[in-house]
Amino acid sequence: MKQYRIDFESMAWESPADGVRFKAYEQGSKKLRLVEFSKEFVEPDWCTKGHIGYILQGQMEIDFDGEKIVFGPGDGVFIPEGPEHKHKGRVLTDKVKAILVEDV
C-alpha cells in the first residue's frame, strides 16, 4: 500500500550534529525531511549535496562561496548538487524550520 500522508508528529527526532535535528520519510529514491536548525548549528565543511525545500519558520543565511543569500518564511530553496554550488548555512534567528526534499 502506498503512503500518501506523512505523520511527522508520530516520528522521533534524529540529531546527527549539534544544532540540527530532523524527522525523515523515505520512499523510493526520495527523502522528505522536516528539519530544525538552532543557532548552535555550524557547518564545518562546504556542503555539495543538492537541496530542494521550503522555509517554514526563521531566517537562515546561506553562503555560496562568497555570495550570501538570506532565506526566510515562505522562501523556496533550490540548490543543485555539485562543487560549483557548494554552500554553508548559518542560522540568523533562534531556530529555522524547513521542509527539504532530497535524493536518497
PDB file of N, CA and C in Angstrom:
ATOM      1  N   MET A   1       0.842  -1.182   0.000  1.00  0.00           N
ATOM      2  CA  MET A   1       0.000   0.000   0.000  1.00  0.00           C
ATOM      3  C   MET A   1       0.889   1.248   0.000  1.00  0.00           C
ATOM      4  N   LYS A   2       0.526   2.235  -0.790  1.00  0.00           N
ATOM      5  CA  LYS A   2       1.267   3.482  -0.852  1.00  0.00           C
ATOM      6  C   LYS A   2       0.877   4.368   0.313  1.00  0.00           C
ATOM      7  N   GLN A   3       1.854   5.138   0.775  1.00  0.00           N
ATOM      8  CA  GLN A   3       1.592   6.077   1.857  1.00  0.00           C
ATOM      9  C   GLN A   3       1.531   7.475   1.265  1.00  0.00           C
ATOM     10  N   TYR A   4       0.420   8.148   1.431  1.00  0.00           N
ATOM     11  CA  TYR A   4       0.242   9.479   0.880  1.00  0.00           C
ATOM     12  C   TYR A   4       0.381  10.561   1.935  1.00  0.00           C
ATOM     13  N   ARG A   5       0.070  10.245   3.157  1.00  0.00           N
ATOM     14  CA  ARG A   5       0.131  11.218   4.264  1.00  0.00           C
ATOM     15  C   ARG A   5       1.311  10.855   5.149  1.00  0.00           C
ATOM     16  N   ILE A   6       2.165  11.833   5.395  1.00  0.00           N
ATOM     17  CA  ILE A   6       3.323  11.623   6.256  1.00  0.00           C
ATOM     18  C   ILE A   6       3.007  12.249   7.617  1.00  0.00           C
ATOM     19  N   ASP A   7       2.958  11.439   8.653  1.00  0.00           N
ATOM     20  CA  ASP A   7       2.623  11.895  10.004  1.00  0.00           C
ATOM     21  C   ASP A   7       3.901  12.227  10.770  1.00  0.00           C
ATOM     22  N   PHE A   8       4.420  13.440  10.565  1.00  0.00           N
ATOM     23  CA  PHE A   8       5.650  13.846  11.251  1.00  0.00           C
ATOM     24  C   PHE A   8       5.483  13.848  12.774  1.00  0.00           C
ATOM     25  N   GLU A   9       4.255  14.097  13.255  1.00  0.00           N
ATOM     26  CA  GLU A   9       4.020  14.140  14.708  1.00  0.00           C
ATOM     27  C   GLU A   9       4.347  12.809  15.382  1.00  0.00           C
ATOM     28  N   SER A  10       4.168  11.711  14.680  1.00  0.00           N
ATOM     29  CA  SER A  10       4.405  10.398  15.283  1.00  0.00           C
ATOM     30  C   SER A  10       5.869   9.943  15.163  1.00  0.00           C
ATOM     31  N   MET A  11       6.691  10.697  14.471  1.00  0.00           N
ATOM     32  CA  MET A  11       8.094  10.319  14.270  1.00  0.00           C
ATOM     33  C   MET A  11       8.992  10.904  15.350  1.00  0.00           C
ATOM     34  N   ALA A  12      10.049  10.194  15.654  1.00  0.00           N
ATOM     35  CA  ALA A  12      11.042  10.688  16.611  1.00  0.00           C
ATOM     36  C   ALA A  12      12.044  11.589  15.888  1.00  0.00           C
ATOM     37  N   TRP A  13      12.556  12.587  16.616  1.00  0.00           N
ATOM     38  CA  TRP A  13      13.591  13.457  16.068  1.00  0.00           C
ATOM     39  C   TRP A  13      14.916  12.707  16.034  1.00  0.00           C
ATOM     40  N   GLU A  14      15.696  12.934  14.994  1.00  0.00           N
ATOM     41  CA  GLU A  14      17.067  12.436  14.904  1.00  0.00           C
ATOM     42  C   GLU A  14      17.984  13.650  14.956  1.00  0.00           C
ATOM     43  N   SER A  15      19.112  13.534  15.675  1.00  0.00           N
ATOM     44  CA  SER A  15      20.049  14.651  15.809  1.00  0.00           C
ATOM     45  C   SER A  15      21.448  14.216  15.379  1.00  0.00           C
ATOM     46  N   PRO A  16      21.791  14.437  14.112  1.00  0.00           N
ATOM     47  CA  PRO A  16      23.094  13.993  13.619  1.00  0.00           C
ATOM     48  C   PRO A  16      24.259  14.878  14.058  1.00  0.00           C
ATOM     49  N   ALA A  17      23.971  16.120  14.486  1.00  0.00           N
ATOM     50  CA  ALA A  17      25.026  17.054  14.894  1.00  0.00           C
ATOM     51  C   ALA A  17      24.420  18.117  15.799  1.00  0.00           C
ATOM     52  N   ASP A  18      25.279  18.848  16.504  1.00  0.00           N
ATOM     53  CA  ASP A  18      24.798  19.934  17.360  1.00  0.00           C
ATOM     54  C   ASP A  18      24.046  20.965  16.522  1.00  0.00           C
ATOM     55  N   GLY A  19      22.908  21.384  17.016  1.00  0.00           N
ATOM     56  CA  GLY A  19      22.159  22.451  16.382  1.00  0.00           C
ATOM     57  C   GLY A  19      21.271  22.051  15.225  1.00  0.00           C
ATOM     58  N   VAL A  20      21.141  20.757  14.958  1.00  0.00           N
ATOM     59  CA  VAL A  20      20.250  20.316  13.887  1.00  0.00           C
ATOM     60  C   VAL A  20      19.555  19.024  14.302  1.00  0.00           C
ATOM     61  N   ARG A  21      18.271  18.958  13.984  1.00  0.00           N
ATOM     62  CA  ARG A  21      17.528  17.722  14.192  1.00  0.00           C
ATOM     63  C   ARG A  21      16.509  17.616  13.073  1.00  0.00           C
ATOM     64  N   PHE A  22      16.087  16.377  12.790  1.00  0.00           N
ATOM     65  CA  PHE A  22      15.154  16.192  11.699  1.00  0.00           C
ATOM     66  C   PHE A  22      14.307  14.946  11.902  1.00  0.00           C
ATOM     67  N   LYS A  23      13.200  14.912  11.149  1.00  0.00           N
ATOM     68  CA  LYS A  23      12.339  13.743  11.014  1.00  0.00           C
ATOM     69  C   LYS A  23      12.299  13.457   9.526  1.00  0.00           C
ATOM     70  N   ALA A  24      12.497  12.192   9.144  1.00  0.00           N
ATOM     71  CA  ALA A  24      12.602  11.885   7.715  1.00  0.00           C
ATOM     72  C   ALA A  24      11.704  10.719   7.321  1.00  0.00           C
ATOM     73  N   TYR A  25      11.194  10.827   6.096  1.00  0.00           N
ATOM     74  CA  TYR A  25      10.428   9.753   5.486  1.00  0.00           C
ATOM     75  C   TYR A  25      11.039   9.485   4.115  1.00  0.00           C
ATOM     76  N   GLU A  26      11.322   8.213   3.832  1.00  0.00           N
ATOM     77  CA  GLU A  26      11.888   7.824   2.543  1.00  0.00           C
ATOM     78  C   GLU A  26      10.923   6.930   1.788  1.00  0.00           C
ATOM     79  N   GLN A  27      10.838   7.170   0.502  1.00  0.00           N
ATOM     80  CA  GLN A  27      10.073   6.294  -0.386  1.00  0.00           C
ATOM     81  C   GLN A  27      10.761   6.321  -1.738  1.00  0.00           C
ATOM     82  N   GLY A  28      11.103   5.139  -2.224  1.00  0.00           N
ATOM     83  CA  GLY A  28      11.813   5.060  -3.497  1.00  0.00           C
ATOM     84  C   GLY A  28      13.157   5.771  -3.403  1.00  0.00           C
ATOM     85  N   SER A  29      13.398   6.680  -4.330  1.00  0.00           N
ATOM     86  CA  SER A  29      14.676   7.394  -4.365  1.00  0.00           C
ATOM     87  C   SER A  29      14.600   8.777  -3.741  1.00  0.00           C
ATOM     88  N   LYS A  30      13.513   9.099  -3.047  1.00  0.00           N
ATOM     89  CA  LYS A  30      13.336  10.430  -2.449  1.00  0.00           C
ATOM     90  C   LYS A  30      13.207  10.362  -0.939  1.00  0.00           C
ATOM     91  N   LYS A  31      13.641  11.445  -0.305  1.00  0.00           N
ATOM     92  CA  LYS A  31      13.527  11.591   1.147  1.00  0.00           C
ATOM     93  C   LYS A  31      12.872  12.940   1.429  1.00  0.00           C
ATOM     94  N   LEU A  32      11.876  12.941   2.313  1.00  0.00           N
ATOM     95  CA  LEU A  32      11.215  14.154   2.763  1.00  0.00           C
ATOM     96  C   LEU A  32      11.622  14.372   4.213  1.00  0.00           C
ATOM     97  N   ARG A  33      12.205  15.550   4.493  1.00  0.00           N
ATOM     98  CA  ARG A  33      12.662  15.819   5.859  1.00  0.00           C
ATOM     99  C   ARG A  33      12.040  17.096   6.405  1.00  0.00           C
ATOM    100  N   LEU A  34      11.599  17.028   7.651  1.00  0.00           N
ATOM    101  CA  LEU A  34      11.252  18.196   8.438  1.00  0.00           C
ATOM    102  C   LEU A  34      12.507  18.477   9.253  1.00  0.00           C
ATOM    103  N   VAL A  35      13.144  19.616   9.020  1.00  0.00           N
ATOM    104  CA  VAL A  35      14.432  19.918   9.636  1.00  0.00           C
ATOM    105  C   VAL A  35      14.309  21.152  10.512  1.00  0.00           C
ATOM    106  N   GLU A  36      14.971  21.104  11.662  1.00  0.00           N
ATOM    107  CA  GLU A  36      15.012  22.247  12.561  1.00  0.00           C
ATOM    108  C   GLU A  36      16.468  22.548  12.901  1.00  0.00           C
ATOM    109  N   PHE A  37      16.883  23.779  12.609  1.00  0.00           N
ATOM    110  CA  PHE A  37      18.236  24.242  12.917  1.00  0.00           C
ATOM    111  C   PHE A  37      18.168  25.245  14.057  1.00  0.00           C
ATOM    112  N   SER A  38      19.151  25.208  14.957  1.00  0.00           N
ATOM    113  CA  SER A  38      19.259  26.222  16.005  1.00  0.00           C
ATOM    114  C   SER A  38      20.561  26.983  15.800  1.00  0.00           C
ATOM    115  N   LYS A  39      20.769  28.028  16.598  1.00  0.00           N
ATOM    116  CA  LYS A  39      21.977  28.852  16.471  1.00  0.00           C
ATOM    117  C   LYS A  39      23.261  28.063  16.675  1.00  0.00           C
ATOM    118  N   GLU A  40      23.186  26.924  17.352  1.00  0.00           N
ATOM    119  CA  GLU A  40      24.377  26.111  17.593  1.00  0.00           C
ATOM    120  C   GLU A  40      24.859  25.395  16.330  1.00  0.00           C
ATOM    121  N   PHE A  41      24.043  25.401  15.275  1.00  0.00           N
ATOM    122  CA  PHE A  41      24.393  24.710  14.033  1.00  0.00           C
ATOM    123  C   PHE A  41      25.564  25.402  13.340  1.00  0.00           C
ATOM    124  N   VAL A  42      26.628  24.634  13.092  1.00  0.00           N
ATOM    125  CA  VAL A  42      27.801  25.135  12.369  1.00  0.00           C
ATOM    126  C   VAL A  42      28.211  24.073  11.360  1.00  0.00           C
ATOM    127  N   GLU A  43      28.285  24.454  10.111  1.00  0.00           N
ATOM    128  CA  GLU A  43      28.754  23.522   9.087  1.00  0.00           C
ATOM    129  C   GLU A  43      30.275  23.611   9.018  1.00  0.00           C
ATOM    130  N   PRO A  44      30.965  22.527   9.373  1.00  0.00           N
ATOM    131  CA  PRO A  44      32.431  22.576   9.389  1.00  0.00           C
ATOM    132  C   PRO A  44      33.032  22.615   7.977  1.00  0.00           C
ATOM    133  N   ASP A  45      32.350  22.042   7.011  1.00  0.00           N
ATOM    134  CA  ASP A  45      32.846  21.982   5.643  1.00  0.00           C
ATOM    135  C   ASP A  45      31.763  22.446   4.678  1.00  0.00           C
ATOM    136  N   TRP A  46      32.163  22.739   3.445  1.00  0.00           N
ATOM    137  CA  TRP A  46      31.214  23.116   2.414  1.00  0.00           C
ATOM    138  C   TRP A  46      30.340  21.910   2.061  1.00  0.00           C
ATOM    139  N   CYS A  47      29.052  22.127   1.931  1.00  0.00           N
ATOM    140  CA  CYS A  47      28.115  21.084   1.525  1.00  0.00           C
ATOM    141  C   CYS A  47      27.980  21.148   0.002  1.00  0.00           C
ATOM    142  N   THR A  48      28.049  19.981  -0.647  1.00  0.00           N
ATOM    143  CA  THR A  48      27.886  19.928  -2.103  1.00  0.00           C
ATOM    144  C   THR A  48      26.656  19.107  -2.495  1.00  0.00           C
ATOM    145  N   LYS A  49      25.846  18.729  -1.512  1.00  0.00           N
ATOM    146  CA  LYS A  49      24.615  17.997  -1.790  1.00  0.00           C
ATOM    147  C   LYS A  49      23.564  18.955  -2.344  1.00  0.00           C
ATOM    148  N   GLY A  50      22.632  18.413  -3.108  1.00  0.00           N
ATOM    149  CA  GLY A  50      21.529  19.214  -3.603  1.00  0.00           C
ATOM    150  C   GLY A  50      20.393  19.265  -2.591  1.00  0.00           C
ATOM    151  N   HIS A  51      19.686  20.378  -2.549  1.00  0.00           N
ATOM    152  CA  HIS A  51      18.557  20.556  -1.630  1.00  0.00           C
ATOM    153  C   HIS A  51      17.425  21.278  -2.355  1.00  0.00           C
ATOM    154  N   ILE A  52      16.211  20.789  -2.154  1.00  0.00           N
ATOM    155  CA  ILE A  52      15.012  21.471  -2.614  1.00  0.00           C
ATOM    156  C   ILE A  52      14.110  21.570  -1.403  1.00  0.00           C
ATOM    157  N   GLY A  53      13.617  22.765  -1.105  1.00  0.00           N
ATOM    158  CA  GLY A  53      12.801  22.874   0.093  1.00  0.00           C
ATOM    159  C   GLY A  53      12.047  24.165   0.221  1.00  0.00           C
ATOM    160  N   TYR A  54      11.517  24.346   1.428  1.00  0.00           N
ATOM    161  CA  TYR A  54      10.648  25.471   1.748  1.00  0.00           C
ATOM    162  C   TYR A  54      10.899  25.859   3.199  1.00  0.00           C
ATOM    163  N   ILE A  55      11.153  27.134   3.449  1.00  0.00           N
ATOM    164  CA  ILE A  55      11.390  27.619   4.810  1.00  0.00           C
ATOM    165  C   ILE A  55      10.038  27.902   5.472  1.00  0.00           C
ATOM    166  N   LEU A  56       9.801  27.236   6.598  1.00  0.00           N
ATOM    167  CA  LEU A  56       8.549  27.396   7.339  1.00  0.00           C
ATOM    168  C   LEU A  56       8.639  28.497   8.385  1.00  0.00           C
ATOM    169  N   GLN A  57       9.810  28.591   9.032  1.00  0.00           N
ATOM    170  CA  GLN A  57       9.953  29.494  10.188  1.00  0.00           C
ATOM    171  C   GLN A  57      11.410  29.896  10.322  1.00  0.00           C
ATOM    172  N   GLY A  58      11.658  31.143  10.724  1.00  0.00           N
ATOM    173  CA  GLY A  58      13.006  31.616  10.997  1.00  0.00           C
ATOM    174  C   GLY A  58      13.734  32.102   9.752  1.00  0.00           C
ATOM    175  N   GLN A  59      14.985  32.534   9.970  1.00  0.00           N
ATOM    176  CA  GLN A  59      15.817  33.014   8.871  1.00  0.00           C
ATOM    177  C   GLN A  59      17.177  32.342   8.900  1.00  0.00           C
ATOM    178  N   MET A  60      17.666  32.029   7.703  1.00  0.00           N
ATOM    179  CA  MET A  60      18.963  31.386   7.538  1.00  0.00           C
ATOM    180  C   MET A  60      19.705  32.076   6.402  1.00  0.00           C
ATOM    181  N   GLU A  61      20.988  32.323   6.627  1.00  0.00           N
ATOM    182  CA  GLU A  61      21.834  32.859   5.575  1.00  0.00           C
ATOM    183  C   GLU A  61      22.627  31.699   4.988  1.00  0.00           C
ATOM    184  N   ILE A  62      22.630  31.605   3.672  1.00  0.00           N
ATOM    185  CA  ILE A  62      23.414  30.560   3.012  1.00  0.00           C
ATOM    186  C   ILE A  62      24.502  31.239   2.196  1.00  0.00           C
ATOM    187  N   ASP A  63      25.734  30.843   2.462  1.00  0.00           N
ATOM    188  CA  ASP A  63      26.916  31.369   1.785  1.00  0.00           C
ATOM    189  C   ASP A  63      27.246  30.439   0.620  1.00  0.00           C
ATOM    190  N   PHE A  64      27.153  30.970  -0.586  1.00  0.00           N
ATOM    191  CA  PHE A  64      27.514  30.222  -1.790  1.00  0.00           C
ATOM    192  C   PHE A  64      28.889  30.708  -2.240  1.00  0.00           C
ATOM    193  N   ASP A  65      29.924  30.251  -1.532  1.00  0.00           N
ATOM    194  CA  ASP A  65      31.309  30.602  -1.862  1.00  0.00           C
ATOM    195  C   ASP A  65      31.491  32.111  -2.008  1.00  0.00           C
ATOM    196  N   GLY A  66      30.985  32.861  -1.027  1.00  0.00           N
ATOM    197  CA  GLY A  66      31.151  34.315  -1.005  1.00  0.00           C
ATOM    198  C   GLY A  66      29.894  35.094  -1.313  1.00  0.00           C
ATOM    199  N   GLU A  67      28.940  34.493  -1.996  1.00  0.00           N
ATOM    200  CA  GLU A  67      27.659  35.149  -2.244  1.00  0.00           C
ATOM    201  C   GLU A  67      26.683  34.684  -1.182  1.00  0.00           C
ATOM    202  N   LYS A  68      26.265  35.619  -0.315  1.00  0.00           N
ATOM    203  CA  LYS A  68      25.391  35.273   0.804  1.00  0.00           C
ATOM    204  C   LYS A  68      23.958  35.684   0.498  1.00  0.00           C
ATOM    205  N   ILE A  69      23.026  34.724   0.704  1.00  0.00           N
ATOM    206  CA  ILE A  69      21.611  34.963   0.454  1.00  0.00           C
ATOM    207  C   ILE A  69      20.845  34.589   1.723  1.00  0.00           C
ATOM    208  N   VAL A  70      19.915  35.452   2.134  1.00  0.00           N
ATOM    209  CA  VAL A  70      19.085  35.202   3.305  1.00  0.00           C
ATOM    210  C   VAL A  70      17.763  34.590   2.861  1.00  0.00           C
ATOM    211  N   PHE A  71      17.387  33.487   3.514  1.00  0.00           N
ATOM    212  CA  PHE A  71      16.132  32.788   3.262  1.00  0.00           C
ATOM    213  C   PHE A  71      15.260  32.898   4.507  1.00  0.00           C
ATOM    214  N   GLY A  72      13.960  33.159   4.316  1.00  0.00           N
ATOM    215  CA  GLY A  72      13.039  33.276   5.434  1.00  0.00           C
ATOM    216  C   GLY A  72      11.727  32.591   5.131  1.00  0.00           C
ATOM    217  N   PRO A  73      10.756  32.716   6.045  1.00  0.00           N
ATOM    218  CA  PRO A  73       9.469  32.041   5.890  1.00  0.00           C
ATOM    219  C   PRO A  73       8.833  32.330   4.535  1.00  0.00           C
ATOM    220  N   GLY A  74       8.412  31.257   3.873  1.00  0.00           N
ATOM    221  CA  GLY A  74       7.776  31.391   2.581  1.00  0.00           C
ATOM    222  C   GLY A  74       8.731  31.283   1.405  1.00  0.00           C
ATOM    223  N   ASP A  75      10.032  31.298   1.673  1.00  0.00           N
ATOM    224  CA  ASP A  75      11.011  31.187   0.587  1.00  0.00           C
ATOM    225  C   ASP A  75      11.223  29.734   0.190  1.00  0.00           C
ATOM    226  N   GLY A  76      11.304  29.518  -1.103  1.00  0.00           N
ATOM    227  CA  GLY A  76      11.705  28.223  -1.619  1.00  0.00           C
ATOM    228  C   GLY A  76      13.221  28.188  -1.727  1.00  0.00           C
ATOM    229  N   VAL A  77      13.766  26.990  -1.615  1.00  0.00           N
ATOM    230  CA  VAL A  77      15.207  26.781  -1.723  1.00  0.00           C
ATOM    231  C   VAL A  77      15.433  25.740  -2.819  1.00  0.00           C
ATOM    232  N   PHE A  78      16.292  26.087  -3.779  1.00  0.00           N
ATOM    233  CA  PHE A  78      16.645  25.128  -4.826  1.00  0.00           C
ATOM    234  C   PHE A  78      18.151  25.227  -5.035  1.00  0.00           C
ATOM    235  N   ILE A  79      18.883  24.256  -4.489  1.00  0.00           N
ATOM    236  CA  ILE A  79      20.343  24.227  -4.597  1.00  0.00           C
ATOM    237  C   ILE A  79      20.719  22.961  -5.361  1.00  0.00           C
ATOM    238  N   PRO A  80      21.254  23.105  -6.583  1.00  0.00           N
ATOM    239  CA  PRO A  80      21.682  21.921  -7.321  1.00  0.00           C
ATOM    240  C   PRO A  80      22.866  21.238  -6.637  1.00  0.00           C
ATOM    241  N   GLU A  81      23.038  19.966  -6.920  1.00  0.00           N
ATOM    242  CA  GLU A  81      24.153  19.190  -6.387  1.00  0.00           C
ATOM    243  C   GLU A  81      25.428  19.542  -7.141  1.00  0.00           C
ATOM    244  N   GLY A  82      26.571  19.488  -6.437  1.00  0.00           N
ATOM    245  CA  GLY A  82      27.860  19.635  -7.100  1.00  0.00           C
ATOM    246  C   GLY A  82      28.739  20.695  -6.471  1.00  0.00           C
ATOM    247  N   PRO A  83      30.049  20.571  -6.694  1.00  0.00           N
ATOM    248  CA  PRO A  83      31.008  21.504  -6.086  1.00  0.00           C
ATOM    249  C   PRO A  83      30.839  22.945  -6.564  1.00  0.00           C
ATOM    250  N   GLU A  84      30.283  23.155  -7.753  1.00  0.00           N
ATOM    251  CA  GLU A  84      30.077  24.527  -8.236  1.00  0.00           C
ATOM    252  C   GLU A  84      28.944  25.229  -7.488  1.00  0.00           C
ATOM    253  N   HIS A  85      28.184  24.475  -6.673  1.00  0.00           N
ATOM    254  CA  HIS A  85      27.086  25.040  -5.875  1.00  0.00           C
ATOM    255  C   HIS A  85      27.356  24.861  -4.377  1.00  0.00           C
ATOM    256  N   LYS A  86      28.632  24.728  -3.999  1.00  0.00           N
ATOM    257  CA  LYS A  86      28.960  24.489  -2.582  1.00  0.00           C
ATOM    258  C   LYS A  86      28.399  25.615  -1.729  1.00  0.00           C
ATOM    259  N   HIS A  87      27.996  25.236  -0.512  1.00  0.00           N
ATOM    260  CA  HIS A  87      27.299  26.185   0.344  1.00  0.00           C
ATOM    261  C   HIS A  87      27.477  25.834   1.826  1.00  0.00           C
ATOM    262  N   LYS A  88      27.283  26.862   2.657  1.00  0.00           N
ATOM    263  CA  LYS A  88      27.276  26.714   4.118  1.00  0.00           C
ATOM    264  C   LYS A  88      26.129  27.563   4.651  1.00  0.00           C
ATOM    265  N   GLY A  89      25.368  26.983   5.560  1.00  0.00           N
ATOM    266  CA  GLY A  89      24.252  27.709   6.153  1.00  0.00           C
ATOM    267  C   GLY A  89      24.594  28.245   7.529  1.00  0.00           C
ATOM    268  N   ARG A  90      23.953  29.374   7.878  1.00  0.00           N
ATOM    269  CA  ARG A  90      24.102  29.966   9.211  1.00  0.00           C
ATOM    270  C   ARG A  90      22.739  30.466   9.655  1.00  0.00           C
ATOM    271  N   VAL A  91      22.331  30.064  10.856  1.00  0.00           N
ATOM    272  CA  VAL A  91      21.027  30.431  11.411  1.00  0.00           C
ATOM    273  C   VAL A  91      21.097  31.862  11.942  1.00  0.00           C
ATOM    274  N   LEU A  92      20.134  32.695  11.540  1.00  0.00           N
ATOM    275  CA  LEU A  92      20.098  34.096  11.965  1.00  0.00           C
ATOM    276  C   LEU A  92      19.110  34.342  13.105  1.00  0.00           C
ATOM    277  N   THR A  93      18.120  33.471  13.255  1.00  0.00           N
ATOM    278  CA  THR A  93      17.117  33.602  14.313  1.00  0.00           C
ATOM    279  C   THR A  93      17.337  32.483  15.325  1.00  0.00           C
ATOM    280  N   ASP A  94      16.515  32.406  16.356  1.00  0.00           N
ATOM    281  CA  ASP A  94      16.694  31.346  17.357  1.00  0.00           C
ATOM    282  C   ASP A  94      16.650  29.960  16.738  1.00  0.00           C
ATOM    283  N   LYS A  95      15.733  29.772  15.790  1.00  0.00           N
ATOM    284  CA  LYS A  95      15.679  28.494  15.084  1.00  0.00           C
ATOM    285  C   LYS A  95      15.101  28.697  13.699  1.00  0.00           C
ATOM    286  N   VAL A  96      15.387  27.731  12.847  1.00  0.00           N
ATOM    287  CA  VAL A  96      14.867  27.701  11.481  1.00  0.00           C
ATOM    288  C   VAL A  96      14.222  26.344  11.289  1.00  0.00           C
ATOM    289  N   LYS A  97      13.017  26.349  10.763  1.00  0.00           N
ATOM    290  CA  LYS A  97      12.325  25.096  10.464  1.00  0.00           C
ATOM    291  C   LYS A  97      12.054  25.080   8.959  1.00  0.00           C
ATOM    292  N   ALA A  98      12.376  23.933   8.337  1.00  0.00           N
ATOM    293  CA  ALA A  98      12.221  23.819   6.879  1.00  0.00           C
ATOM    294  C   ALA A  98      11.782  22.422   6.496  1.00  0.00           C
ATOM    295  N   ILE A  99      11.208  22.330   5.324  1.00  0.00           N
ATOM    296  CA  ILE A  99      10.895  21.059   4.678  1.00  0.00           C
ATOM    297  C   ILE A  99      11.890  20.912   3.534  1.00  0.00           C
ATOM    298  N   LEU A 100      12.570  19.770   3.461  1.00  0.00           N
ATOM    299  CA  LEU A 100      13.532  19.501   2.393  1.00  0.00           C
ATOM    300  C   LEU A 100      13.186  18.195   1.678  1.00  0.00           C
ATOM    301  N   VAL A 101      13.307  18.207   0.368  1.00  0.00           N
ATOM    302  CA  VAL A 101      13.128  17.017  -0.455  1.00  0.00           C
ATOM    303  C   VAL A 101      14.484  16.722  -1.079  1.00  0.00           C
ATOM    304  N   GLU A 102      14.975  15.502  -0.854  1.00  0.00           N
ATOM    305  CA  GLU A 102      16.325  15.150  -1.307  1.00  0.00           C
ATOM    306  C   GLU A 102      16.339  13.775  -1.932  1.00  0.00           C
ATOM    307  N   ASP A 103      17.354  13.554  -2.761  1.00  0.00           N
ATOM    308  CA  ASP A 103      17.583  12.219  -3.304  1.00  0.00           C
ATOM    309  C   ASP A 103      18.200  11.362  -2.219  1.00  0.00           C
ATOM    310  N   VAL A 104      17.823  10.082  -2.209  1.00  0.00           N
ATOM    311  CA  VAL A 104      18.366   9.151  -1.213  1.00  0.00           C
ATOM    312  C   VAL A 104      19.744   8.705  -1.662  1.00  0.00           C
TER     313      VAL A 104
END
